[in-house]
Amino acid sequence: MRRAGDKIEGTLQDITDKVRAHEHLQFLADHDPLTKALNRRGVEACLSRGLQRLRRGKPLAVAYLDLDRFKLINDLYGHVAGDAVLQQADGGCKPRGAVRRHGGDRTRRAPRAP
């Protein structure tokens, strides 16, 4: 921007697309692309915040879920069916807490206090 006498001249640039792309990349950095559950990096940040709250006297809980015989679903019905099962299992936890996909058939959940 420059000042020329009594006038100010400048330029504007719409950065909406750039901001959206950055937000999407940030989401991908912290989440599993299939289930949209938190990945290791995302859950570590979530647990760090939870531990800070715990130090202030707020409750914290972590649950570990294991889908028995999940490999059998993939083997019998294919990975598309297995992916649907994972999405449904993780989807049931999301409203109340942060979910992390730990492996093919395992998730971790760090529920938020009410």
N, C-alpha and C. Protein backbone atom coordinates (compact mmCIF):
# COMPACT_ATOMS: atom_id res chain seq x y z
N MET A 1 0.85 -1.16 0.00
CA MET A 1 0.00 0.00 0.00
C MET A 1 0.90 1.23 0.00
N ARG A 2 0.51 2.23 -0.72
CA ARG A 2 1.30 3.46 -0.73
C ARG A 2 0.38 4.67 -0.66
N ARG A 3 0.91 5.74 -0.21
CA ARG A 3 0.16 6.99 -0.08
C ARG A 3 0.66 7.96 -1.14
N ALA A 4 -0.28 8.48 -1.93
CA ALA A 4 0.07 9.43 -2.99
C ALA A 4 -0.75 10.69 -2.76
N GLY A 5 -0.14 11.64 -2.11
CA GLY A 5 -0.87 12.88 -1.81
C GLY A 5 -1.98 12.61 -0.83
N ASP A 6 -3.22 12.91 -1.22
CA ASP A 6 -4.39 12.68 -0.37
C ASP A 6 -5.05 11.35 -0.66
N LYS A 7 -4.45 10.52 -1.49
CA LYS A 7 -5.07 9.25 -1.88
C LYS A 7 -4.24 8.08 -1.34
N ILE A 8 -4.93 7.00 -1.05
CA ILE A 8 -4.28 5.76 -0.65
C ILE A 8 -4.58 4.73 -1.72
N GLU A 9 -3.53 4.08 -2.20
CA GLU A 9 -3.69 3.05 -3.21
C GLU A 9 -3.27 1.71 -2.62
N GLY A 10 -3.94 0.67 -3.03
CA GLY A 10 -3.59 -0.67 -2.56
C GLY A 10 -4.27 -1.73 -3.40
N THR A 11 -4.04 -2.98 -3.03
CA THR A 11 -4.67 -4.09 -3.74
C THR A 11 -5.29 -5.03 -2.72
N LEU A 12 -6.30 -5.73 -3.13
CA LEU A 12 -6.95 -6.75 -2.32
C LEU A 12 -6.84 -8.08 -3.04
N GLN A 13 -6.74 -9.13 -2.26
CA GLN A 13 -6.65 -10.46 -2.85
C GLN A 13 -7.54 -11.40 -2.04
N ASP A 14 -8.40 -12.14 -2.71
CA ASP A 14 -9.27 -13.12 -2.04
C ASP A 14 -8.44 -14.37 -1.74
N ILE A 15 -8.28 -14.67 -0.46
CA ILE A 15 -7.49 -15.83 -0.05
C ILE A 15 -8.37 -16.96 0.48
N THR A 16 -9.66 -16.91 0.19
CA THR A 16 -10.60 -17.93 0.69
C THR A 16 -10.16 -19.33 0.31
N ASP A 17 -9.83 -19.55 -0.95
CA ASP A 17 -9.43 -20.90 -1.39
C ASP A 17 -8.15 -21.35 -0.70
N LYS A 18 -7.22 -20.44 -0.51
CA LYS A 18 -5.97 -20.78 0.17
C LYS A 18 -6.23 -21.17 1.62
N VAL A 19 -7.10 -20.45 2.30
CA VAL A 19 -7.43 -20.75 3.70
C VAL A 19 -8.14 -22.10 3.80
N ARG A 20 -9.08 -22.34 2.89
CA ARG A 20 -9.79 -23.63 2.89
C ARG A 20 -8.83 -24.79 2.64
N ALA A 21 -7.91 -24.62 1.71
CA ALA A 21 -6.93 -25.67 1.42
C ALA A 21 -6.05 -25.93 2.64
N HIS A 22 -5.65 -24.87 3.32
CA HIS A 22 -4.83 -25.02 4.53
C HIS A 22 -5.61 -25.77 5.62
N GLU A 23 -6.89 -25.41 5.81
CA GLU A 23 -7.71 -26.08 6.81
C GLU A 23 -7.89 -27.56 6.47
N HIS A 24 -8.05 -27.87 5.19
CA HIS A 24 -8.20 -29.26 4.76
C HIS A 24 -6.91 -30.04 5.02
N LEU A 25 -5.77 -29.45 4.71
CA LEU A 25 -4.49 -30.12 4.97
C LEU A 25 -4.28 -30.32 6.47
N GLN A 26 -4.69 -29.35 7.27
CA GLN A 26 -4.58 -29.49 8.73
C GLN A 26 -5.45 -30.65 9.21
N PHE A 27 -6.67 -30.77 8.67
CA PHE A 27 -7.56 -31.87 9.02
C PHE A 27 -6.91 -33.21 8.66
N LEU A 28 -6.35 -33.30 7.45
CA LEU A 28 -5.71 -34.54 7.01
C LEU A 28 -4.50 -34.89 7.86
N ALA A 29 -3.82 -33.88 8.38
CA ALA A 29 -2.65 -34.12 9.22
C ALA A 29 -3.04 -34.74 10.56
N ASP A 30 -4.27 -34.50 11.02
CA ASP A 30 -4.70 -34.96 12.35
C ASP A 30 -5.73 -36.08 12.32
N HIS A 31 -6.18 -36.52 11.13
CA HIS A 31 -7.28 -37.48 11.05
C HIS A 31 -6.99 -38.62 10.09
N ASP A 32 -7.59 -39.78 10.36
CA ASP A 32 -7.55 -40.92 9.47
C ASP A 32 -8.43 -40.61 8.26
N PRO A 33 -7.93 -40.76 7.04
CA PRO A 33 -8.72 -40.37 5.88
C PRO A 33 -9.99 -41.21 5.68
N LEU A 34 -10.00 -42.45 6.13
CA LEU A 34 -11.18 -43.31 5.94
C LEU A 34 -12.29 -42.97 6.93
N THR A 35 -11.97 -43.03 8.22
CA THR A 35 -13.01 -42.90 9.24
C THR A 35 -13.19 -41.47 9.72
N LYS A 36 -12.25 -40.62 9.38
CA LYS A 36 -12.23 -39.23 9.87
C LYS A 36 -11.94 -39.18 11.38
N ALA A 37 -11.58 -40.31 11.95
CA ALA A 37 -11.19 -40.36 13.36
C ALA A 37 -9.79 -39.75 13.50
N LEU A 38 -9.46 -39.30 14.69
CA LEU A 38 -8.13 -38.75 14.93
C LEU A 38 -7.05 -39.78 14.68
N ASN A 39 -5.94 -39.36 14.11
CA ASN A 39 -4.78 -40.23 13.97
C ASN A 39 -3.90 -40.04 15.21
N ARG A 40 -2.73 -40.61 15.20
CA ARG A 40 -1.86 -40.55 16.38
C ARG A 40 -1.55 -39.10 16.78
N ARG A 41 -1.22 -38.29 15.81
CA ARG A 41 -0.90 -36.88 16.10
C ARG A 41 -2.10 -36.16 16.71
N GLY A 42 -3.27 -36.39 16.13
CA GLY A 42 -4.47 -35.74 16.62
C GLY A 42 -4.85 -36.17 18.02
N VAL A 43 -4.73 -37.49 18.29
CA VAL A 43 -5.12 -37.97 19.61
C VAL A 43 -4.09 -37.54 20.67
N GLU A 44 -2.83 -37.44 20.30
CA GLU A 44 -1.84 -36.96 21.27
C GLU A 44 -2.15 -35.52 21.68
N ALA A 45 -2.54 -34.70 20.73
CA ALA A 45 -2.93 -33.33 21.06
C ALA A 45 -4.19 -33.31 21.93
N CYS A 46 -5.15 -34.16 21.59
CA CYS A 46 -6.40 -34.24 22.36
C CYS A 46 -6.13 -34.71 23.79
N LEU A 47 -5.31 -35.75 23.94
CA LEU A 47 -4.98 -36.24 25.27
C LEU A 47 -4.17 -35.22 26.07
N SER A 48 -3.32 -34.48 25.39
CA SER A 48 -2.56 -33.44 26.07
C SER A 48 -3.51 -32.40 26.67
N ARG A 49 -4.51 -31.99 25.88
CA ARG A 49 -5.52 -31.05 26.39
C ARG A 49 -6.31 -31.68 27.53
N GLY A 50 -6.63 -32.98 27.39
CA GLY A 50 -7.36 -33.68 28.44
C GLY A 50 -6.56 -33.77 29.72
N LEU A 51 -5.26 -34.00 29.61
CA LEU A 51 -4.41 -34.07 30.81
C LEU A 51 -4.29 -32.70 31.49
N GLN A 52 -4.27 -31.64 30.69
CA GLN A 52 -4.28 -30.29 31.27
C GLN A 52 -5.56 -30.06 32.05
N ARG A 53 -6.69 -30.49 31.47
CA ARG A 53 -7.98 -30.36 32.17
C ARG A 53 -7.98 -31.21 33.44
N LEU A 54 -7.39 -32.40 33.37
CA LEU A 54 -7.32 -33.29 34.53
C LEU A 54 -6.55 -32.62 35.67
N ARG A 55 -5.47 -31.93 35.33
CA ARG A 55 -4.70 -31.22 36.36
C ARG A 55 -5.52 -30.12 37.03
N ARG A 56 -6.53 -29.62 36.32
CA ARG A 56 -7.41 -28.59 36.88
C ARG A 56 -8.63 -29.20 37.57
N GLY A 57 -8.62 -30.53 37.73
CA GLY A 57 -9.70 -31.20 38.44
C GLY A 57 -10.85 -31.68 37.58
N LYS A 58 -10.73 -31.60 36.26
CA LYS A 58 -11.78 -32.06 35.36
C LYS A 58 -11.58 -33.56 35.07
N PRO A 59 -12.66 -34.31 34.84
CA PRO A 59 -12.53 -35.75 34.59
C PRO A 59 -11.95 -36.05 33.21
N LEU A 60 -11.32 -37.21 33.10
CA LEU A 60 -10.79 -37.70 31.83
C LEU A 60 -10.94 -39.21 31.80
N ALA A 61 -11.38 -39.76 30.68
CA ALA A 61 -11.48 -41.21 30.51
C ALA A 61 -10.98 -41.56 29.11
N VAL A 62 -10.37 -42.72 28.99
CA VAL A 62 -9.91 -43.22 27.70
C VAL A 62 -10.42 -44.65 27.57
N ALA A 63 -11.06 -44.97 26.45
CA ALA A 63 -11.56 -46.32 26.19
C ALA A 63 -10.81 -46.92 25.00
N TYR A 64 -10.57 -48.21 25.05
CA TYR A 64 -9.89 -48.93 23.97
C TYR A 64 -10.88 -49.95 23.42
N LEU A 65 -11.22 -49.85 22.16
CA LEU A 65 -12.19 -50.75 21.54
C LEU A 65 -11.49 -51.69 20.58
N ASP A 66 -11.88 -52.95 20.62
CA ASP A 66 -11.34 -53.95 19.70
C ASP A 66 -12.51 -54.68 19.05
N LEU A 67 -12.59 -54.64 17.74
CA LEU A 67 -13.67 -55.32 17.03
C LEU A 67 -13.25 -56.77 16.80
N ASP A 68 -13.85 -57.69 17.56
CA ASP A 68 -13.51 -59.10 17.44
C ASP A 68 -13.80 -59.62 16.04
N ARG A 69 -12.89 -60.42 15.54
CA ARG A 69 -13.02 -61.08 14.24
C ARG A 69 -13.20 -60.10 13.07
N PHE A 70 -12.66 -58.92 13.21
CA PHE A 70 -12.79 -57.93 12.14
C PHE A 70 -12.12 -58.40 10.86
N LYS A 71 -10.99 -59.07 10.99
CA LYS A 71 -10.28 -59.57 9.80
C LYS A 71 -11.18 -60.50 9.00
N LEU A 72 -12.03 -61.26 9.70
CA LEU A 72 -12.95 -62.16 9.02
C LEU A 72 -13.93 -61.39 8.13
N ILE A 73 -14.39 -60.22 8.59
CA ILE A 73 -15.28 -59.39 7.77
C ILE A 73 -14.57 -58.98 6.48
N ASN A 74 -13.33 -58.51 6.61
CA ASN A 74 -12.55 -58.14 5.42
C ASN A 74 -12.35 -59.34 4.49
N ASP A 75 -12.02 -60.50 5.08
CA ASP A 75 -11.75 -61.68 4.28
C ASP A 75 -13.00 -62.19 3.56
N LEU A 76 -14.13 -62.20 4.24
CA LEU A 76 -15.36 -62.75 3.66
C LEU A 76 -16.09 -61.77 2.74
N TYR A 77 -16.13 -60.49 3.14
CA TYR A 77 -16.97 -59.52 2.43
C TYR A 77 -16.19 -58.43 1.71
N GLY A 78 -14.88 -58.39 1.91
CA GLY A 78 -14.04 -57.41 1.23
C GLY A 78 -13.80 -56.16 2.06
N HIS A 79 -12.83 -55.40 1.62
CA HIS A 79 -12.42 -54.21 2.37
C HIS A 79 -13.46 -53.10 2.37
N VAL A 80 -14.30 -53.06 1.34
CA VAL A 80 -15.35 -52.03 1.31
C VAL A 80 -16.31 -52.26 2.47
N ALA A 81 -16.68 -53.51 2.71
CA ALA A 81 -17.56 -53.84 3.85
C ALA A 81 -16.83 -53.57 5.17
N GLY A 82 -15.56 -53.93 5.23
CA GLY A 82 -14.78 -53.67 6.44
C GLY A 82 -14.67 -52.18 6.73
N ASP A 83 -14.47 -51.39 5.69
CA ASP A 83 -14.41 -49.93 5.85
C ASP A 83 -15.73 -49.40 6.38
N ALA A 84 -16.84 -49.93 5.87
CA ALA A 84 -18.16 -49.49 6.34
C ALA A 84 -18.36 -49.82 7.82
N VAL A 85 -17.89 -50.99 8.25
CA VAL A 85 -17.99 -51.36 9.66
C VAL A 85 -17.17 -50.41 10.52
N LEU A 86 -15.96 -50.10 10.09
CA LEU A 86 -15.12 -49.16 10.85
C LEU A 86 -15.76 -47.78 10.95
N GLN A 87 -16.32 -47.31 9.84
CA GLN A 87 -16.96 -45.99 9.85
C GLN A 87 -18.15 -45.99 10.79
N GLN A 88 -18.92 -47.06 10.78
CA GLN A 88 -20.08 -47.13 11.66
C GLN A 88 -19.65 -47.23 13.13
N ALA A 89 -18.63 -48.03 13.41
CA ALA A 89 -18.16 -48.17 14.80
C ALA A 89 -17.61 -46.85 15.31
N ASP A 90 -16.81 -46.17 14.52
CA ASP A 90 -16.24 -44.89 14.94
C ASP A 90 -17.31 -43.81 15.00
N GLY A 91 -18.26 -43.84 14.09
CA GLY A 91 -19.31 -42.83 14.06
C GLY A 91 -20.15 -42.82 15.31
N GLY A 92 -20.32 -43.97 15.94
CA GLY A 92 -21.12 -44.04 17.16
C GLY A 92 -20.45 -43.36 18.35
N CYS A 93 -19.16 -43.12 18.27
CA CYS A 93 -18.43 -42.51 19.40
C CYS A 93 -18.23 -41.02 19.25
N LYS A 94 -18.24 -40.51 18.05
CA LYS A 94 -17.82 -39.13 17.80
C LYS A 94 -18.57 -38.04 18.55
N PRO A 95 -19.88 -38.13 18.72
CA PRO A 95 -20.55 -36.98 19.35
C PRO A 95 -20.06 -36.67 20.76
N ARG A 96 -19.55 -37.65 21.48
CA ARG A 96 -19.16 -37.42 22.86
C ARG A 96 -17.66 -37.41 23.08
N GLY A 97 -16.86 -37.65 22.07
CA GLY A 97 -15.44 -37.67 22.34
C GLY A 97 -14.59 -37.76 21.09
N ALA A 98 -13.31 -37.78 21.31
CA ALA A 98 -12.35 -37.87 20.22
C ALA A 98 -12.00 -39.33 20.00
N VAL A 99 -12.08 -39.78 18.76
CA VAL A 99 -11.84 -41.18 18.43
C VAL A 99 -10.57 -41.27 17.60
N ARG A 100 -9.76 -42.26 17.90
CA ARG A 100 -8.55 -42.51 17.11
C ARG A 100 -8.59 -43.91 16.57
N ARG A 101 -8.31 -44.04 15.29
CA ARG A 101 -8.16 -45.37 14.69
C ARG A 101 -6.75 -45.84 15.01
N HIS A 102 -6.65 -46.92 15.77
CA HIS A 102 -5.36 -47.41 16.25
C HIS A 102 -4.74 -48.41 15.30
N GLY A 103 -5.56 -49.16 14.60
CA GLY A 103 -5.08 -50.16 13.67
C GLY A 103 -6.25 -50.63 12.84
N GLY A 104 -6.11 -51.72 12.14
CA GLY A 104 -7.18 -52.20 11.30
C GLY A 104 -8.49 -52.42 12.03
N ASP A 105 -8.43 -52.95 13.26
CA ASP A 105 -9.66 -53.28 13.97
C ASP A 105 -9.74 -52.64 15.35
N ARG A 106 -8.90 -51.66 15.62
CA ARG A 106 -8.87 -51.09 16.96
C ARG A 106 -9.04 -49.58 16.89
N THR A 107 -9.78 -49.07 17.87
CA THR A 107 -9.92 -47.62 18.01
C THR A 107 -9.73 -47.26 19.47
N ARG A 108 -9.38 -46.03 19.71
CA ARG A 108 -9.31 -45.50 21.06
C ARG A 108 -10.24 -44.32 21.14
N ARG A 109 -10.83 -44.14 22.30
CA ARG A 109 -11.78 -43.04 22.48
C ARG A 109 -11.42 -42.31 23.75
N ALA A 110 -11.33 -40.99 23.64
CA ALA A 110 -11.09 -40.15 24.81
C ALA A 110 -12.35 -39.29 24.98
N PRO A 111 -13.32 -39.76 25.77
CA PRO A 111 -14.57 -39.01 25.89
C PRO A 111 -14.36 -37.65 26.53
N ARG A 112 -15.18 -36.70 26.10
CA ARG A 112 -15.17 -35.38 26.69
C ARG A 112 -16.11 -35.36 27.88
N ALA A 113 -15.75 -34.61 28.88
CA ALA A 113 -16.61 -34.47 30.05
C ALA A 113 -17.87 -33.71 29.68
N PRO A 114 -19.02 -34.07 30.29
CA PRO A 114 -20.26 -33.33 29.96
C PRO A 114 -20.19 -31.89 30.39
